[in-house]
């Protein structure tokens, strides 16, 4: 898969999860979001900006939770046991795989908000650009329910300029509609570079789109900016930390 990844900036790992895992993760995703809402924790992941009109914004939303492995053990089990995914990640960035952060994203039926086209690089730039995301699909992802869309090969252009005051690209130059839709089945995992341009459209279907985004890096790839700290960052998912960074007790 390395050749495809280097060419396109993304690859798809098919059937990475069992049906039992998929069903469990659907239940846990809904439960984690509901528990957060019950205690009035902020769950909206709807980006700011004028990529949608004020009228559209009033009708839309998208739910999310950062690092849900700290809220449900089901996410922890999946994080460390999915060898099929980690095998591919090792092929792409090497044997020492380190966690950066995770994010659960749930697009509700008929009102799931879009994400404008963007790169993840501006949020957490690194020296060697090994950072990648593995998007676990707990539901079938289609154009109708707002599947991820990518611009193949865009990672080769490096960091691109964003709209002033935002981290997304100019919608006139990089439209969601012109990007390649990655329609996949539940249980599939889409892996893409943090330099790959990506986004997603509206969920206009009558079913949710539940995804879990796991951001990983090579353990010797250091951040260039002291930013985006998260719980569990630095956890080794495979291999060892060659830099021997020790936490202070």
C-alpha atoms as a PDB file:
ATOM      1  CA  UNK A   1       0.000   0.000   0.000  1.00  0.00           C
ATOM      2  CA  UNK A   2       2.988   2.306   0.409  1.00  0.00           C
ATOM      3  CA  UNK A   3       3.174   2.993  -3.316  1.00  0.00           C
ATOM      4  CA  UNK A   4      -0.512   3.975  -3.438  1.00  0.00           C
ATOM      5  CA  UNK A   5      -0.139   6.168  -0.352  1.00  0.00           C
ATOM      6  CA  UNK A   6       2.899   7.966  -1.735  1.00  0.00           C
ATOM      7  CA  UNK A   7       1.078   8.563  -5.015  1.00  0.00           C
ATOM      8  CA  UNK A   8      -2.399   9.493  -3.778  1.00  0.00           C
ATOM      9  CA  UNK A   9      -1.948  10.554  -0.162  1.00  0.00           C
ATOM     10  CA  UNK A  10      -4.505   8.024   1.073  1.00  0.00           C
ATOM     11  CA  UNK A  11      -5.309   4.301   1.167  1.00  0.00           C
ATOM     12  CA  UNK A  12      -8.317   2.247   2.269  1.00  0.00           C
ATOM     13  CA  UNK A  13      -8.021  -0.778   4.557  1.00  0.00           C
ATOM     14  CA  UNK A  14     -11.036  -2.971   3.813  1.00  0.00           C
ATOM     15  CA  UNK A  15     -12.854  -5.071   6.440  1.00  0.00           C
ATOM     16  CA  UNK A  16     -10.601  -3.940   9.279  1.00  0.00           C
ATOM     17  CA  UNK A  17     -13.315  -4.561  11.882  1.00  0.00           C
ATOM     18  CA  UNK A  18     -15.599  -7.473  12.664  1.00  0.00           C
ATOM     19  CA  UNK A  19     -19.367  -7.119  12.607  1.00  0.00           C
ATOM     20  CA  UNK A  20     -19.420  -7.491  16.393  1.00  0.00           C
ATOM     21  CA  UNK A  21     -16.949  -4.626  16.736  1.00  0.00           C
ATOM     22  CA  UNK A  22     -18.963  -2.441  14.380  1.00  0.00           C
ATOM     23  CA  UNK A  23     -22.170  -2.973  16.349  1.00  0.00           C
ATOM     24  CA  UNK A  24     -20.401  -2.294  19.649  1.00  0.00           C
ATOM     25  CA  UNK A  25     -18.805   0.899  18.356  1.00  0.00           C
ATOM     26  CA  UNK A  26     -22.106   2.200  17.033  1.00  0.00           C
ATOM     27  CA  UNK A  27     -23.692   1.735  20.456  1.00  0.00           C
ATOM     28  CA  UNK A  28     -20.731   3.230  22.291  1.00  0.00           C
ATOM     29  CA  UNK A  29     -20.490   6.210  19.927  1.00  0.00           C
ATOM     30  CA  UNK A  30     -24.106   7.143  20.540  1.00  0.00           C
ATOM     31  CA  UNK A  31     -23.771   6.554  24.282  1.00  0.00           C
ATOM     32  CA  UNK A  32     -20.627   8.686  24.670  1.00  0.00           C
ATOM     33  CA  UNK A  33     -22.200  11.613  22.814  1.00  0.00           C
ATOM     34  CA  UNK A  34     -25.418  11.313  24.818  1.00  0.00           C
ATOM     35  CA  UNK A  35     -23.550  11.246  28.148  1.00  0.00           C
ATOM     36  CA  UNK A  36     -21.692  14.396  27.140  1.00  0.00           C
ATOM     37  CA  UNK A  37     -24.955  16.095  26.236  1.00  0.00           C
ATOM     38  CA  UNK A  38     -26.527  15.003  29.531  1.00  0.00           C
ATOM     39  CA  UNK A  39     -23.872  16.928  31.469  1.00  0.00           C
ATOM     40  CA  UNK A  40     -24.098  19.813  28.994  1.00  0.00           C
ATOM     41  CA  UNK A  41     -20.578  19.344  27.685  1.00  0.00           C
ATOM     42  CA  UNK A  42     -19.935  20.947  24.328  1.00  0.00           C
ATOM     43  CA  UNK A  43     -20.354  18.375  21.572  1.00  0.00           C
ATOM     44  CA  UNK A  44     -20.706  20.610  18.516  1.00  0.00           C
ATOM     45  CA  UNK A  45     -17.862  20.242  16.014  1.00  0.00           C
ATOM     46  CA  UNK A  46     -19.414  22.645  13.501  1.00  0.00           C
ATOM     47  CA  UNK A  47     -16.618  24.855  12.191  1.00  0.00           C
ATOM     48  CA  UNK A  48     -16.911  28.609  12.197  1.00  0.00           C
ATOM     49  CA  UNK A  49     -16.536  30.662   9.037  1.00  0.00           C
ATOM     50  CA  UNK A  50     -18.682  31.693   6.108  1.00  0.00           C
ATOM     51  CA  UNK A  51     -18.380  28.516   4.041  1.00  0.00           C
ATOM     52  CA  UNK A  52     -22.118  28.089   4.706  1.00  0.00           C
ATOM     53  CA  UNK A  53     -24.736  30.812   4.891  1.00  0.00           C
ATOM     54  CA  UNK A  54     -26.197  31.925   8.253  1.00  0.00           C
ATOM     55  CA  UNK A  55     -29.517  30.385   7.188  1.00  0.00           C
ATOM     56  CA  UNK A  56     -27.909  27.003   6.523  1.00  0.00           C
ATOM     57  CA  UNK A  57     -25.864  27.163   9.722  1.00  0.00           C
ATOM     58  CA  UNK A  58     -29.031  27.525  11.800  1.00  0.00           C
ATOM     59  CA  UNK A  59     -30.327  24.200  10.431  1.00  0.00           C
ATOM     60  CA  UNK A  60     -27.142  22.131  10.740  1.00  0.00           C
ATOM     61  CA  UNK A  61     -24.843  20.650  13.365  1.00  0.00           C
ATOM     62  CA  UNK A  62     -22.326  17.881  13.902  1.00  0.00           C
ATOM     63  CA  UNK A  63     -21.491  16.072  17.132  1.00  0.00           C
ATOM     64  CA  UNK A  64     -18.049  15.157  18.353  1.00  0.00           C
ATOM     65  CA  UNK A  65     -15.980  14.072  21.339  1.00  0.00           C
ATOM     66  CA  UNK A  66     -12.210  14.346  21.673  1.00  0.00           C
ATOM     67  CA  UNK A  67     -10.315  11.233  22.804  1.00  0.00           C
ATOM     68  CA  UNK A  68     -13.345   9.006  23.519  1.00  0.00           C
ATOM     69  CA  UNK A  69     -11.010   6.219  24.678  1.00  0.00           C
ATOM     70  CA  UNK A  70     -11.033   8.086  28.008  1.00  0.00           C
ATOM     71  CA  UNK A  71     -14.826   7.808  28.132  1.00  0.00           C
ATOM     72  CA  UNK A  72     -15.390   4.224  26.960  1.00  0.00           C
ATOM     73  CA  UNK A  73     -13.129   1.173  27.133  1.00  0.00           C
ATOM     74  CA  UNK A  74     -14.520  -0.018  23.784  1.00  0.00           C
ATOM     75  CA  UNK A  75     -12.468   2.672  22.049  1.00  0.00           C
ATOM     76  CA  UNK A  76      -9.345   1.686  23.996  1.00  0.00           C
ATOM     77  CA  UNK A  77      -9.726  -1.951  22.955  1.00  0.00           C
ATOM     78  CA  UNK A  78     -10.124  -1.034  19.303  1.00  0.00           C
ATOM     79  CA  UNK A  79      -7.213   1.395  19.454  1.00  0.00           C
ATOM     80  CA  UNK A  80      -4.659  -1.229  20.510  1.00  0.00           C
ATOM     81  CA  UNK A  81      -6.080  -4.373  18.890  1.00  0.00           C
ATOM     82  CA  UNK A  82      -6.636  -3.400  15.262  1.00  0.00           C
ATOM     83  CA  UNK A  83      -3.512  -5.028  13.855  1.00  0.00           C
ATOM     84  CA  UNK A  84      -4.797  -4.870  10.299  1.00  0.00           C
ATOM     85  CA  UNK A  85      -4.683  -1.079  10.470  1.00  0.00           C
ATOM     86  CA  UNK A  86      -1.438  -0.841  12.438  1.00  0.00           C
ATOM     87  CA  UNK A  87       0.245  -3.181   9.944  1.00  0.00           C
ATOM     88  CA  UNK A  88      -0.530  -0.694   7.171  1.00  0.00           C
ATOM     89  CA  UNK A  89       0.503   2.306   9.268  1.00  0.00           C
ATOM     90  CA  UNK A  90       3.816   0.582  10.022  1.00  0.00           C
ATOM     91  CA  UNK A  91       4.360   0.061   6.305  1.00  0.00           C
ATOM     92  CA  UNK A  92       3.749   3.780   5.730  1.00  0.00           C
ATOM     93  CA  UNK A  93       5.652   5.489   8.573  1.00  0.00           C
ATOM     94  CA  UNK A  94       7.781   2.842  10.254  1.00  0.00           C
ATOM     95  CA  UNK A  95       7.637   0.458  13.239  1.00  0.00           C
ATOM     96  CA  UNK A  96       7.423   2.991  16.084  1.00  0.00           C
ATOM     97  CA  UNK A  97       3.862   4.300  15.962  1.00  0.00           C
ATOM     98  CA  UNK A  98       2.794   6.949  18.429  1.00  0.00           C
ATOM     99  CA  UNK A  99      -0.670   8.278  19.199  1.00  0.00           C
ATOM    100  CA  UNK A 100      -1.302  11.996  18.785  1.00  0.00           C
ATOM    101  CA  UNK A 101      -5.044  12.211  19.500  1.00  0.00           C
ATOM    102  CA  UNK A 102      -8.405  10.743  18.534  1.00  0.00           C
ATOM    103  CA  UNK A 103     -11.751  12.295  17.701  1.00  0.00           C
ATOM    104  CA  UNK A 104     -15.229  10.803  17.412  1.00  0.00           C
ATOM    105  CA  UNK A 105     -17.374  12.519  14.775  1.00  0.00           C
ATOM    106  CA  UNK A 106     -21.089  11.825  14.379  1.00  0.00           C
ATOM    107  CA  UNK A 107     -23.041  13.465  11.570  1.00  0.00           C
ATOM    108  CA  UNK A 108     -26.738  13.322  12.495  1.00  0.00           C
ATOM    109  CA  UNK A 109     -29.337  12.310   9.897  1.00  0.00           C
ATOM    110  CA  UNK A 110     -30.616  15.021   7.547  1.00  0.00           C
ATOM    111  CA  UNK A 111     -28.748  17.835   9.310  1.00  0.00           C
ATOM    112  CA  UNK A 112     -25.119  16.684   9.520  1.00  0.00           C
ATOM    113  CA  UNK A 113     -22.931  19.674   8.755  1.00  0.00           C
ATOM    114  CA  UNK A 114     -20.167  19.715   6.134  1.00  0.00           C
ATOM    115  CA  UNK A 115     -16.435  20.203   6.692  1.00  0.00           C
ATOM    116  CA  UNK A 116     -14.798  22.594   4.181  1.00  0.00           C
ATOM    117  CA  UNK A 117     -11.757  21.362   2.309  1.00  0.00           C
ATOM    118  CA  UNK A 118      -8.626  21.614   4.429  1.00  0.00           C
ATOM    119  CA  UNK A 119      -5.343  20.042   5.493  1.00  0.00           C
ATOM    120  CA  UNK A 120      -4.739  18.849   9.045  1.00  0.00           C
ATOM    121  CA  UNK A 121      -1.171  20.177   8.922  1.00  0.00           C
ATOM    122  CA  UNK A 122      -1.936  23.698  10.278  1.00  0.00           C
ATOM    123  CA  UNK A 123      -3.314  22.242  13.516  1.00  0.00           C
ATOM    124  CA  UNK A 124      -0.204  20.261  14.480  1.00  0.00           C
ATOM    125  CA  UNK A 125       2.774  20.669  12.087  1.00  0.00           C
ATOM    126  CA  UNK A 126       5.645  18.183  12.484  1.00  0.00           C
ATOM    127  CA  UNK A 127       9.238  18.026  11.265  1.00  0.00           C
ATOM    128  CA  UNK A 128       9.023  14.887   9.116  1.00  0.00           C
ATOM    129  CA  UNK A 129       5.355  15.042   8.039  1.00  0.00           C
ATOM    130  CA  UNK A 130       4.674  11.450   9.068  1.00  0.00           C
ATOM    131  CA  UNK A 131       1.403  12.463  10.733  1.00  0.00           C
ATOM    132  CA  UNK A 132      -1.583  10.606   9.340  1.00  0.00           C
ATOM    133  CA  UNK A 133      -5.186   9.892  10.234  1.00  0.00           C
ATOM    134  CA  UNK A 134      -6.948   6.532  10.305  1.00  0.00           C
ATOM    135  CA  UNK A 135     -10.695   7.067   9.939  1.00  0.00           C
ATOM    136  CA  UNK A 136     -12.633   4.102  11.317  1.00  0.00           C
ATOM    137  CA  UNK A 137     -16.082   3.825   9.738  1.00  0.00           C
ATOM    138  CA  UNK A 138     -18.840   2.516  11.996  1.00  0.00           C
ATOM    139  CA  UNK A 139     -21.446   3.112   9.258  1.00  0.00           C
ATOM    140  CA  UNK A 140     -21.423   2.847   5.483  1.00  0.00           C
ATOM    141  CA  UNK A 141     -20.127   6.166   4.146  1.00  0.00           C
ATOM    142  CA  UNK A 142     -21.809   7.484   1.008  1.00  0.00           C
ATOM    143  CA  UNK A 143     -22.192  10.782  -0.795  1.00  0.00           C
ATOM    144  CA  UNK A 144     -25.687  11.027   0.692  1.00  0.00           C
ATOM    145  CA  UNK A 145     -24.541  10.835   4.311  1.00  0.00           C
ATOM    146  CA  UNK A 146     -21.517  13.064   3.852  1.00  0.00           C
ATOM    147  CA  UNK A 147     -18.575  10.724   3.256  1.00  0.00           C
ATOM    148  CA  UNK A 148     -15.032  12.039   3.330  1.00  0.00           C
ATOM    149  CA  UNK A 149     -13.765  13.531   0.075  1.00  0.00           C
ATOM    150  CA  UNK A 150     -10.105  13.903  -0.863  1.00  0.00           C
ATOM    151  CA  UNK A 151      -7.938  15.495  -3.546  1.00  0.00           C
ATOM    152  CA  UNK A 152      -5.633  12.659  -4.667  1.00  0.00           C
ATOM    153  CA  UNK A 153      -1.970  13.636  -4.813  1.00  0.00           C
ATOM    154  CA  UNK A 154      -2.525  16.959  -3.043  1.00  0.00           C
ATOM    155  CA  UNK A 155      -0.124  15.991  -0.235  1.00  0.00           C
ATOM    156  CA  UNK A 156       2.746  16.496  -2.650  1.00  0.00           C
ATOM    157  CA  UNK A 157       2.084  20.256  -2.718  1.00  0.00           C
ATOM    158  CA  UNK A 158       3.033  20.657   0.934  1.00  0.00           C
ATOM    159  CA  UNK A 159       1.406  23.249   3.174  1.00  0.00           C
ATOM    160  CA  UNK A 160      -1.118  25.479   1.387  1.00  0.00           C
ATOM    161  CA  UNK A 161      -2.409  28.924   2.288  1.00  0.00           C
ATOM    162  CA  UNK A 162      -5.712  29.027   4.161  1.00  0.00           C
ATOM    163  CA  UNK A 163      -8.479  31.603   4.353  1.00  0.00           C
ATOM    164  CA  UNK A 164      -7.332  34.357   6.722  1.00  0.00           C
ATOM    165  CA  UNK A 165      -8.421  33.627  10.268  1.00  0.00           C
ATOM    166  CA  UNK A 166      -9.322  30.012   9.517  1.00  0.00           C
ATOM    167  CA  UNK A 167      -7.621  26.682   8.859  1.00  0.00           C
ATOM    168  CA  UNK A 168      -9.575  25.797   5.737  1.00  0.00           C
ATOM    169  CA  UNK A 169      -8.825  26.397   2.070  1.00  0.00           C
ATOM    170  CA  UNK A 170     -10.600  28.768  -0.294  1.00  0.00           C
ATOM    171  CA  UNK A 171     -13.930  27.043  -1.148  1.00  0.00           C
ATOM    172  CA  UNK A 172     -13.893  28.694  -4.575  1.00  0.00           C
ATOM    173  CA  UNK A 173     -10.627  26.968  -5.442  1.00  0.00           C
ATOM    174  CA  UNK A 174     -11.191  23.763  -3.478  1.00  0.00           C
ATOM    175  CA  UNK A 175     -14.858  22.837  -3.524  1.00  0.00           C
ATOM    176  CA  UNK A 176     -16.266  19.802  -1.762  1.00  0.00           C
ATOM    177  CA  UNK A 177     -18.208  18.831  -4.878  1.00  0.00           C
ATOM    178  CA  UNK A 178     -15.077  18.575  -7.036  1.00  0.00           C
ATOM    179  CA  UNK A 179     -13.172  16.340  -4.596  1.00  0.00           C
ATOM    180  CA  UNK A 180     -13.130  12.545  -4.867  1.00  0.00           C
ATOM    181  CA  UNK A 181     -15.793  10.913  -2.652  1.00  0.00           C
ATOM    182  CA  UNK A 182     -14.434   8.008  -0.601  1.00  0.00           C
ATOM    183  CA  UNK A 183     -17.504   5.798  -0.343  1.00  0.00           C
ATOM    184  CA  UNK A 184     -16.656   2.879   1.929  1.00  0.00           C
ATOM    185  CA  UNK A 185     -18.415   0.226   3.997  1.00  0.00           C
ATOM    186  CA  UNK A 186     -18.768   0.042   7.755  1.00  0.00           C
ATOM    187  CA  UNK A 187     -15.649  -1.652   9.102  1.00  0.00           C
ATOM    188  CA  UNK A 188     -13.383  -0.047   6.508  1.00  0.00           C
ATOM    189  CA  UNK A 189     -10.616   2.354   7.567  1.00  0.00           C
ATOM    190  CA  UNK A 190      -9.457   5.256   5.438  1.00  0.00           C
ATOM    191  CA  UNK A 191      -5.864   6.340   6.078  1.00  0.00           C
ATOM    192  CA  UNK A 192      -4.665   9.713   4.799  1.00  0.00           C
ATOM    193  CA  UNK A 193      -1.726  12.095   5.246  1.00  0.00           C
ATOM    194  CA  UNK A 194      -2.203  15.277   7.237  1.00  0.00           C
ATOM    195  CA  UNK A 195      -1.123  17.115   4.067  1.00  0.00           C
ATOM    196  CA  UNK A 196      -3.852  15.533   1.935  1.00  0.00           C
ATOM    197  CA  UNK A 197      -6.657  17.982   1.166  1.00  0.00           C
ATOM    198  CA  UNK A 198      -9.946  16.611   2.445  1.00  0.00           C
ATOM    199  CA  UNK A 199     -13.423  17.599   3.598  1.00  0.00           C
ATOM    200  CA  UNK A 200     -16.964  16.262   3.560  1.00  0.00           C
ATOM    201  CA  UNK A 201     -20.448  17.248   2.469  1.00  0.00           C
ATOM    202  CA  UNK A 202     -23.828  17.389   4.139  1.00  0.00           C
ATOM    203  CA  UNK A 203     -25.547  14.347   5.558  1.00  0.00           C
ATOM    204  CA  UNK A 204     -28.813  14.483   3.648  1.00  0.00           C
ATOM    205  CA  UNK A 205     -29.708  10.845   4.366  1.00  0.00           C
ATOM    206  CA  UNK A 206     -31.975   9.412   7.063  1.00  0.00           C
ATOM    207  CA  UNK A 207     -29.107   7.681   8.920  1.00  0.00           C
ATOM    208  CA  UNK A 208     -26.098   8.886  10.914  1.00  0.00           C
ATOM    209  CA  UNK A 209     -22.479   8.815   9.807  1.00  0.00           C
ATOM    210  CA  UNK A 210     -20.322   7.704  12.735  1.00  0.00           C
ATOM    211  CA  UNK A 211     -16.534   7.909  12.332  1.00  0.00           C
ATOM    212  CA  UNK A 212     -13.579   7.716  14.668  1.00  0.00           C
ATOM    213  CA  UNK A 213     -10.459   9.604  13.629  1.00  0.00           C
ATOM    214  CA  UNK A 214      -7.161   8.336  15.077  1.00  0.00           C
ATOM    215  CA  UNK A 215      -4.165  10.603  14.429  1.00  0.00           C
ATOM    216  CA  UNK A 216      -0.768   8.869  14.541  1.00  0.00           C
ATOM    217  CA  UNK A 217       2.857   9.773  13.857  1.00  0.00           C
ATOM    218  CA  UNK A 218       6.303   8.199  13.802  1.00  0.00           C
ATOM    219  CA  UNK A 219       7.693   8.395  17.335  1.00  0.00           C
ATOM    220  CA  UNK A 220      10.777  10.327  16.205  1.00  0.00           C
ATOM    221  CA  UNK A 221       8.750  12.972  14.337  1.00  0.00           C
ATOM    222  CA  UNK A 222       8.704  16.054  16.564  1.00  0.00           C
ATOM    223  CA  UNK A 223       6.175  18.908  16.475  1.00  0.00           C
ATOM    224  CA  UNK A 224       7.453  22.244  15.139  1.00  0.00           C
ATOM    225  CA  UNK A 225       4.917  24.212  17.183  1.00  0.00           C
ATOM    226  CA  UNK A 226       4.004  23.654  20.840  1.00  0.00           C
ATOM    227  CA  UNK A 227       0.288  23.189  20.295  1.00  0.00           C
ATOM    228  CA  UNK A 228      -2.646  20.756  20.237  1.00  0.00           C
ATOM    229  CA  UNK A 229      -1.952  18.856  23.431  1.00  0.00           C
ATOM    230  CA  UNK A 230      -4.381  16.036  24.184  1.00  0.00           C
ATOM    231  CA  UNK A 231      -4.919  13.300  26.755  1.00  0.00           C
ATOM    232  CA  UNK A 232      -2.912  10.214  25.937  1.00  0.00           C
ATOM    233  CA  UNK A 233      -0.654  11.956  23.447  1.00  0.00           C
ATOM    234  CA  UNK A 234       2.605  10.033  23.049  1.00  0.00           C
ATOM    235  CA  UNK A 235       1.112   6.618  23.847  1.00  0.00           C
ATOM    236  CA  UNK A 236       2.969   3.937  21.893  1.00  0.00           C
ATOM    237  CA  UNK A 237       0.615   1.903  19.720  1.00  0.00           C
ATOM    238  CA  UNK A 238       3.428  -0.189  18.284  1.00  0.00           C
ATOM    239  CA  UNK A 239       7.183  -0.365  18.834  1.00  0.00           C
ATOM    240  CA  UNK A 240       9.123   1.899  21.191  1.00  0.00           C
ATOM    241  CA  UNK A 241       9.874   5.584  21.667  1.00  0.00           C
ATOM    242  CA  UNK A 242      13.474   5.965  20.395  1.00  0.00           C
ATOM    243  CA  UNK A 243      13.761   9.430  21.951  1.00  0.00           C
ATOM    244  CA  UNK A 244      13.180   8.012  25.454  1.00  0.00           C
ATOM    245  CA  UNK A 245      10.976  10.867  26.610  1.00  0.00           C
ATOM    246  CA  UNK A 246      10.167  10.283  30.254  1.00  0.00           C
ATOM    247  CA  UNK A 247       7.120  11.776  31.955  1.00  0.00           C
ATOM    248  CA  UNK A 248       7.667  13.563  35.235  1.00  0.00           C
ATOM    249  CA  UNK A 249       5.983  11.753  38.122  1.00  0.00           C
END
